[in-house]
């Protein structure tokens, strides 16, 4: 289990939401851990530890096998909806109090704190920035910040003029994100200079996922869009109802998976945006799907965690937690981790190989 890794929101820097390993049904509840507030944060898994935030204002480190608490860090004010990033022995996360934190992953001791101008709800990402590793985070101060991972000093900041709710993606030298200015932005990672700004049609509350020159996002104009980051234009859009998208897409070589506020999980052709299938839940789906092999795992506000066949959209398994699952799943070492608005973190283990 030492090689287990889902170190950040959506698993990888491009936010593609694809997990390694094998996910088999039926899943079995291994353990649950109760925090003091709703858990909207998605977990980061690094080796035998996982890190997750809670609206009780704390970040928790738990043992992946047992769920035993190892440490917790209290911000002192405001919740932690931001999903942690585990990198090089540190844990990074944002908080509603407007601060970006770096903790020692082993002990939970504070390494540094960086102040943004307003709350941080999205997860931090990272990217090489000159000789440093830059921690990338969006804030309601309208900016994306790039901060030195070692020192907490600002490397650059880019002002969009409106809230940045989601997490920045990083791929091929570009920092890519959507914002409440209804645009998809592509920045040069070295200095934060604007490369492309693409009108998306409505504000983007979730995050973009990136493959090569293309970025994919859902928005509040009730569409999923694909943007060409080099041409600077939208190449396709998909609309199914009069309900918005908050979920972040998951990407394979040929498919886009995303949850909608019309209570469905959608599978689209990545090249064209054409509908492949739609799976109906009984609640809005703000949770972001995770793809593992031929399986898709996702939560819903109906209080259920679902496992769906990637090829057909056929339901394979579900588990009723009861309260809304707005957090997104994390998967590593055969274990699915998801938080619930009931205040608990749940760990499900995949079925043994037949």
Protein backbone atom coordinates (compact mmCIF):
# COMPACT_ATOMS: atom_id res chain seq x y z
CA UNK A 1 0.00 0.00 0.00
CA UNK A 2 3.03 2.27 0.26
CA UNK A 3 2.74 3.15 -3.43
CA UNK A 4 -0.87 4.31 -3.05
CA UNK A 5 -1.35 7.78 -4.42
CA UNK A 6 -4.22 10.20 -5.03
CA UNK A 7 -2.30 13.23 -3.83
CA UNK A 8 -4.74 15.97 -4.81
CA UNK A 9 -8.20 16.91 -6.06
CA UNK A 10 -8.91 14.84 -9.21
CA UNK A 11 -5.69 12.85 -8.69
CA UNK A 12 -3.33 14.56 -11.15
CA UNK A 13 -2.26 18.07 -12.11
CA UNK A 14 -4.41 18.08 -15.26
CA UNK A 15 -7.47 17.35 -13.03
CA UNK A 16 -8.48 14.46 -15.34
CA UNK A 17 -10.05 12.40 -12.54
CA UNK A 18 -8.62 9.04 -13.63
CA UNK A 19 -7.39 6.56 -11.00
CA UNK A 20 -4.94 3.72 -11.35
CA UNK A 21 -5.69 0.19 -10.17
CA UNK A 22 -8.84 -1.92 -10.33
CA UNK A 23 -12.25 -1.07 -8.94
CA UNK A 24 -14.63 -4.02 -8.53
CA UNK A 25 -18.13 -4.23 -7.17
CA UNK A 26 -19.52 -4.73 -4.65
CA UNK A 27 -17.64 -2.22 -2.54
CA UNK A 28 -17.58 -2.83 1.19
CA UNK A 29 -17.53 -0.19 3.92
CA UNK A 30 -14.18 -0.47 5.70
CA UNK A 31 -14.50 2.39 8.19
CA UNK A 32 -15.98 5.84 8.80
CA UNK A 33 -14.61 8.80 10.75
CA UNK A 34 -16.74 11.57 12.25
CA UNK A 35 -15.66 15.22 12.06
CA UNK A 36 -17.38 18.22 13.60
CA UNK A 37 -18.97 19.58 10.43
CA UNK A 38 -20.03 18.74 6.87
CA UNK A 39 -17.23 17.30 4.72
CA UNK A 40 -17.28 18.94 1.29
CA UNK A 41 -13.52 18.57 0.85
CA UNK A 42 -12.24 15.67 -1.26
CA UNK A 43 -9.47 13.57 0.22
CA UNK A 44 -5.81 13.39 -0.77
CA UNK A 45 -4.19 9.96 -0.35
CA UNK A 46 -0.43 9.66 0.09
CA UNK A 47 0.95 6.26 1.05
CA UNK A 48 -0.86 4.99 4.15
CA UNK A 49 -2.28 8.41 5.05
CA UNK A 50 -5.18 10.47 3.83
CA UNK A 51 -5.83 14.17 4.38
CA UNK A 52 -9.26 15.81 4.27
CA UNK A 53 -10.85 19.09 5.34
CA UNK A 54 -14.08 19.71 7.23
CA UNK A 55 -16.44 22.62 7.70
CA UNK A 56 -15.53 22.39 11.40
CA UNK A 57 -12.42 24.38 10.42
CA UNK A 58 -9.94 21.51 10.61
CA UNK A 59 -7.83 19.36 8.33
CA UNK A 60 -7.49 15.74 9.43
CA UNK A 61 -4.80 13.17 8.75
CA UNK A 62 -6.18 9.63 8.99
CA UNK A 63 -4.70 6.17 8.63
CA UNK A 64 -5.90 4.78 5.28
CA UNK A 65 -6.25 1.22 6.57
CA UNK A 66 -8.05 1.84 9.85
CA UNK A 67 -9.42 5.38 9.72
CA UNK A 68 -7.59 6.14 12.95
CA UNK A 69 -6.88 9.88 13.38
CA UNK A 70 -3.18 10.72 13.24
CA UNK A 71 -3.43 14.48 13.74
CA UNK A 72 -5.69 17.43 13.03
CA UNK A 73 -4.93 21.06 12.39
CA UNK A 74 -7.44 23.76 13.32
CA UNK A 75 -7.48 26.96 11.28
CA UNK A 76 -9.24 28.78 14.11
CA UNK A 77 -11.92 30.32 11.90
CA UNK A 78 -14.03 29.26 8.96
CA UNK A 79 -14.46 25.90 7.26
CA UNK A 80 -12.11 23.95 5.02
CA UNK A 81 -13.95 23.05 1.82
CA UNK A 82 -10.70 23.07 -0.13
CA UNK A 83 -9.29 19.63 -0.95
CA UNK A 84 -5.73 19.15 0.33
CA UNK A 85 -2.64 18.67 -1.83
CA UNK A 86 0.03 16.24 -0.57
CA UNK A 87 3.46 17.05 -2.03
CA UNK A 88 7.02 16.33 -0.90
CA UNK A 89 6.17 15.71 2.75
CA UNK A 90 3.83 18.69 3.05
CA UNK A 91 0.07 19.20 2.95
CA UNK A 92 -1.34 22.36 1.33
CA UNK A 93 -4.94 23.60 1.56
CA UNK A 94 -7.01 26.75 1.44
CA UNK A 95 -9.61 27.89 3.95
CA UNK A 96 -12.67 30.12 4.13
CA UNK A 97 -10.62 32.58 6.19
CA UNK A 98 -8.67 33.44 3.01
CA UNK A 99 -5.42 31.72 3.95
CA UNK A 100 -3.40 29.09 2.11
CA UNK A 101 -1.66 26.75 4.57
CA UNK A 102 1.37 24.46 4.36
CA UNK A 103 1.61 21.76 7.04
CA UNK A 104 4.14 19.05 7.80
CA UNK A 105 2.49 15.86 6.54
CA UNK A 106 3.95 13.73 9.33
CA UNK A 107 3.01 15.91 12.28
CA UNK A 108 0.49 18.53 11.15
CA UNK A 109 2.81 21.32 12.28
CA UNK A 110 2.39 24.64 10.46
CA UNK A 111 5.18 25.41 7.98
CA UNK A 112 3.76 28.65 6.61
CA UNK A 113 0.56 30.57 5.95
CA UNK A 114 -0.10 32.83 2.95
CA UNK A 115 -2.93 35.38 2.98
CA UNK A 116 -5.21 35.83 -0.01
CA UNK A 117 -7.71 38.65 -0.05
CA UNK A 118 -10.81 36.48 0.38
CA UNK A 119 -11.95 32.91 0.93
CA UNK A 120 -10.46 29.87 -0.80
CA UNK A 121 -12.92 27.08 -1.64
CA UNK A 122 -11.04 25.32 -4.45
CA UNK A 123 -8.15 22.91 -4.09
CA UNK A 124 -4.51 23.90 -4.56
CA UNK A 125 -2.51 22.42 -7.42
CA UNK A 126 1.21 22.62 -8.12
CA UNK A 127 3.54 23.21 -11.06
CA UNK A 128 7.24 23.80 -11.68
CA UNK A 129 7.90 27.54 -11.70
CA UNK A 130 11.52 28.34 -12.54
CA UNK A 131 13.68 26.62 -9.93
CA UNK A 132 10.78 26.45 -7.45
CA UNK A 133 7.65 24.40 -7.13
CA UNK A 134 4.69 26.73 -7.25
CA UNK A 135 1.46 26.10 -5.34
CA UNK A 136 -1.47 27.30 -7.44
CA UNK A 137 -4.75 28.34 -5.83
CA UNK A 138 -7.80 30.38 -6.80
CA UNK A 139 -9.56 32.75 -4.41
CA UNK A 140 -12.63 34.92 -4.04
CA UNK A 141 -10.23 37.86 -4.17
CA UNK A 142 -10.61 37.32 -7.96
CA UNK A 143 -7.06 36.01 -8.36
CA UNK A 144 -5.11 32.85 -9.01
CA UNK A 145 -2.00 32.89 -6.83
CA UNK A 146 1.27 31.05 -7.39
CA UNK A 147 3.21 30.62 -4.13
CA UNK A 148 6.62 29.09 -3.50
CA UNK A 149 5.99 25.65 -1.99
CA UNK A 150 9.02 25.86 0.29
CA UNK A 151 8.70 29.40 1.62
CA UNK A 152 5.10 30.56 1.12
CA UNK A 153 6.31 33.63 -0.78
CA UNK A 154 4.29 34.88 -3.73
CA UNK A 155 5.76 34.09 -7.14
CA UNK A 156 2.95 35.74 -9.11
CA UNK A 157 -0.78 36.47 -9.02
CA UNK A 158 -3.24 36.89 -11.89
CA UNK A 159 -6.39 39.02 -11.46
CA UNK A 160 -9.53 37.90 -13.34
CA UNK A 161 -11.88 40.57 -12.01
CA UNK A 162 -14.27 38.00 -10.49
CA UNK A 163 -14.35 35.07 -8.07
CA UNK A 164 -12.29 31.96 -8.75
CA UNK A 165 -14.15 29.11 -7.06
CA UNK A 166 -12.48 26.05 -8.62
CA UNK A 167 -9.00 24.59 -8.78
CA UNK A 168 -6.45 25.57 -11.45
CA UNK A 169 -5.33 22.73 -13.74
CA UNK A 170 -1.77 22.45 -15.02
CA UNK A 171 -0.64 20.77 -18.25
CA UNK A 172 1.99 21.43 -20.92
CA UNK A 173 3.27 24.63 -19.34
CA UNK A 174 -0.20 26.16 -19.00
CA UNK A 175 -2.24 26.98 -15.91
CA UNK A 176 -5.89 26.59 -16.93
CA UNK A 177 -8.99 27.57 -14.96
CA UNK A 178 -12.50 28.90 -15.28
CA UNK A 179 -13.98 31.66 -13.20
CA UNK A 180 -17.10 33.58 -12.31
CA UNK A 181 -16.13 36.00 -15.10
CA UNK A 182 -17.51 33.32 -17.49
CA UNK A 183 -14.11 32.78 -19.10
CA UNK A 184 -11.55 30.00 -19.42
CA UNK A 185 -8.06 31.37 -18.79
CA UNK A 186 -4.75 29.88 -19.89
CA UNK A 187 -1.65 31.38 -18.24
CA UNK A 188 2.08 30.81 -18.66
CA UNK A 189 3.22 28.96 -15.55
CA UNK A 190 6.56 30.76 -15.40
CA UNK A 191 5.17 34.25 -14.80
CA UNK A 192 1.36 34.09 -14.81
CA UNK A 193 1.07 36.02 -18.06
CA UNK A 194 -2.14 35.52 -20.03
CA UNK A 195 -1.85 33.21 -23.04
CA UNK A 196 -5.52 32.83 -23.97
CA UNK A 197 -8.87 34.03 -22.62
CA UNK A 198 -11.92 32.19 -23.95
CA UNK A 199 -15.54 33.22 -23.45
CA UNK A 200 -17.33 30.19 -22.02
CA UNK A 201 -20.87 31.59 -22.04
CA UNK A 202 -21.60 31.55 -18.30
CA UNK A 203 -19.70 31.46 -15.04
CA UNK A 204 -17.70 28.37 -14.16
CA UNK A 205 -17.99 27.35 -10.51
CA UNK A 206 -16.14 24.05 -10.86
CA UNK A 207 -12.74 23.30 -12.37
CA UNK A 208 -11.45 22.64 -15.87
CA UNK A 209 -9.93 19.29 -16.80
CA UNK A 210 -7.24 19.37 -19.50
CA UNK A 211 -6.02 16.98 -22.19
CA UNK A 212 -3.34 18.35 -24.52
CA UNK A 213 -4.57 21.58 -26.10
CA UNK A 214 -8.17 21.11 -24.94
CA UNK A 215 -9.90 22.12 -21.70
CA UNK A 216 -13.30 20.81 -20.59
CA UNK A 217 -15.68 22.41 -18.10
CA UNK A 218 -19.31 22.64 -17.07
CA UNK A 219 -20.91 26.03 -16.41
CA UNK A 220 -23.96 27.80 -15.07
CA UNK A 221 -25.37 28.34 -18.55
CA UNK A 222 -26.38 24.66 -18.38
CA UNK A 223 -23.65 23.48 -20.75
CA UNK A 224 -20.50 21.41 -20.87
CA UNK A 225 -17.90 22.99 -23.16
CA UNK A 226 -14.65 22.01 -24.83
CA UNK A 227 -12.18 24.84 -25.42
CA UNK A 228 -9.19 24.80 -27.76
CA UNK A 229 -6.49 26.52 -25.72
CA UNK A 230 -4.29 27.23 -28.72
CA UNK A 231 -6.98 28.51 -31.07
CA UNK A 232 -8.69 30.37 -28.23
CA UNK A 233 -12.24 29.22 -28.96
CA UNK A 234 -15.01 26.85 -27.90
CA UNK A 235 -15.06 23.85 -30.25
CA UNK A 236 -18.17 22.12 -28.94
CA UNK A 237 -20.85 22.49 -26.29
CA UNK A 238 -23.36 20.07 -24.81
CA UNK A 239 -26.69 20.98 -23.21
CA UNK A 240 -29.24 18.53 -21.84
CA UNK A 241 -31.54 20.50 -19.54
CA UNK A 242 -32.18 23.86 -17.92
CA UNK A 243 -29.92 23.00 -14.99
CA UNK A 244 -26.29 24.09 -14.47
CA UNK A 245 -23.10 22.08 -14.03
CA UNK A 246 -20.95 22.47 -10.92
CA UNK A 247 -19.11 19.13 -11.20
CA UNK A 248 -15.59 18.90 -12.70
CA UNK A 249 -15.27 16.56 -15.71
CA UNK A 250 -13.30 13.32 -15.77
CA UNK A 251 -11.47 12.50 -19.00
CA UNK A 252 -10.37 9.37 -20.83
CA UNK A 253 -8.89 9.26 -24.32
CA UNK A 254 -12.40 9.13 -25.79
CA UNK A 255 -14.88 10.13 -23.07
CA UNK A 256 -15.93 13.04 -20.83
CA UNK A 257 -17.83 12.22 -17.60
CA UNK A 258 -19.58 14.93 -15.58
CA UNK A 259 -22.36 15.32 -13.04
CA UNK A 260 -25.25 17.74 -13.51
CA UNK A 261 -27.70 19.57 -11.30
CA UNK A 262 -30.48 17.86 -13.27
CA UNK A 263 -29.65 14.75 -11.17
CA UNK A 264 -27.70 12.92 -13.86
CA UNK A 265 -24.19 11.72 -14.61
CA UNK A 266 -23.34 12.24 -18.28
CA UNK A 267 -20.93 10.42 -20.55
CA UNK A 268 -19.98 12.34 -23.71
CA UNK A 269 -17.72 11.69 -26.69
CA UNK A 270 -14.58 13.69 -25.99
CA UNK A 271 -14.01 14.69 -29.61
CA UNK A 272 -17.54 15.84 -30.43
CA UNK A 273 -19.49 16.31 -27.17
CA UNK A 274 -22.13 13.85 -28.41
CA UNK A 275 -24.10 12.08 -25.67
CA UNK A 276 -23.10 8.45 -25.10
CA UNK A 277 -25.30 7.79 -22.05
CA UNK A 278 -26.88 9.46 -19.03
CA UNK A 279 -27.36 7.84 -15.64
CA UNK A 280 -30.13 9.20 -13.41
CA UNK A 281 -29.67 9.63 -9.65
CA UNK A 282 -32.27 11.03 -7.27
CA UNK A 283 -30.39 14.20 -6.40
CA UNK A 284 -28.22 16.88 -7.98
CA UNK A 285 -24.69 15.74 -8.81
CA UNK A 286 -22.13 18.35 -7.77
CA UNK A 287 -19.69 15.55 -6.94
CA UNK A 288 -17.08 15.00 -9.66
CA UNK A 289 -16.88 11.48 -11.15
CA UNK A 290 -13.72 9.38 -10.91
CA UNK A 291 -12.88 6.85 -13.62
CA UNK A 292 -11.02 3.66 -12.74
CA UNK A 293 -10.67 1.16 -15.59
CA UNK A 294 -14.18 0.35 -16.79
CA UNK A 295 -15.87 1.82 -13.71
CA UNK A 296 -17.12 5.27 -12.75
CA UNK A 297 -17.62 6.19 -9.09
CA UNK A 298 -19.50 9.33 -8.05
CA UNK A 299 -21.57 10.74 -5.23
CA UNK A 300 -24.94 12.49 -5.37
CA UNK A 301 -26.93 14.83 -3.16
CA UNK A 302 -29.43 11.98 -2.82
CA UNK A 303 -26.99 10.61 -0.23
CA UNK A 304 -25.75 7.69 -2.33
CA UNK A 305 -22.36 6.69 -3.67
CA UNK A 306 -22.73 5.09 -7.11
CA UNK A 307 -20.63 2.72 -9.19
CA UNK A 308 -21.52 2.76 -12.89
CA UNK A 309 -20.24 0.90 -15.95
CA UNK A 310 -18.16 3.27 -18.11
CA UNK A 311 -19.16 1.70 -21.42
CA UNK A 312 -22.93 1.53 -20.90
CA UNK A 313 -23.92 3.71 -17.93
CA UNK A 314 -25.45 0.63 -16.28
CA UNK A 315 -25.63 0.88 -12.47
CA UNK A 316 -23.43 -1.74 -10.80
CA UNK A 317 -23.59 -0.85 -7.09
CA UNK A 318 -24.68 1.89 -4.73
CA UNK A 319 -24.47 2.62 -1.01
CA UNK A 320 -26.87 4.86 0.90
CA UNK A 321 -25.04 7.14 3.31
CA UNK A 322 -28.11 9.32 3.73
CA UNK A 323 -26.81 12.89 3.64
CA UNK A 324 -25.64 14.75 0.54
CA UNK A 325 -22.33 13.78 -1.09
CA UNK A 326 -21.05 17.00 -2.62
CA UNK A 327 -17.42 15.96 -2.15
CA UNK A 328 -15.71 14.03 -4.93
CA UNK A 329 -14.32 10.51 -4.48
CA UNK A 330 -10.62 9.72 -4.11
CA UNK A 331 -9.29 6.26 -5.02
CA UNK A 332 -5.99 4.53 -4.33
CA UNK A 333 -4.79 1.14 -3.02
CA UNK A 334 -8.20 -0.39 -3.64
CA UNK A 335 -9.97 2.11 -1.35
CA UNK A 336 -12.57 4.75 -2.26
CA UNK A 337 -12.70 7.73 0.14
CA UNK A 338 -15.59 10.20 0.18
CA UNK A 339 -16.87 12.77 2.65
CA UNK A 340 -20.51 13.49 3.40
CA UNK A 341 -22.48 16.44 4.66
CA UNK A 342 -23.34 14.24 7.64
CA UNK A 343 -19.84 15.19 8.87
CA UNK A 344 -18.19 11.82 8.28
CA UNK A 345 -15.49 10.49 5.98
CA UNK A 346 -16.17 7.02 4.54
CA UNK A 347 -13.75 4.40 3.22
CA UNK A 348 -14.95 1.62 0.91
CA UNK A 349 -12.73 -1.25 -0.18
CA UNK A 350 -12.99 -2.81 -3.62
CA UNK A 351 -14.07 -6.44 -3.93
CA UNK A 352 -11.38 -9.11 -4.09
CA UNK A 353 -10.42 -10.48 -7.51
CA UNK A 354 -12.60 -13.40 -8.51
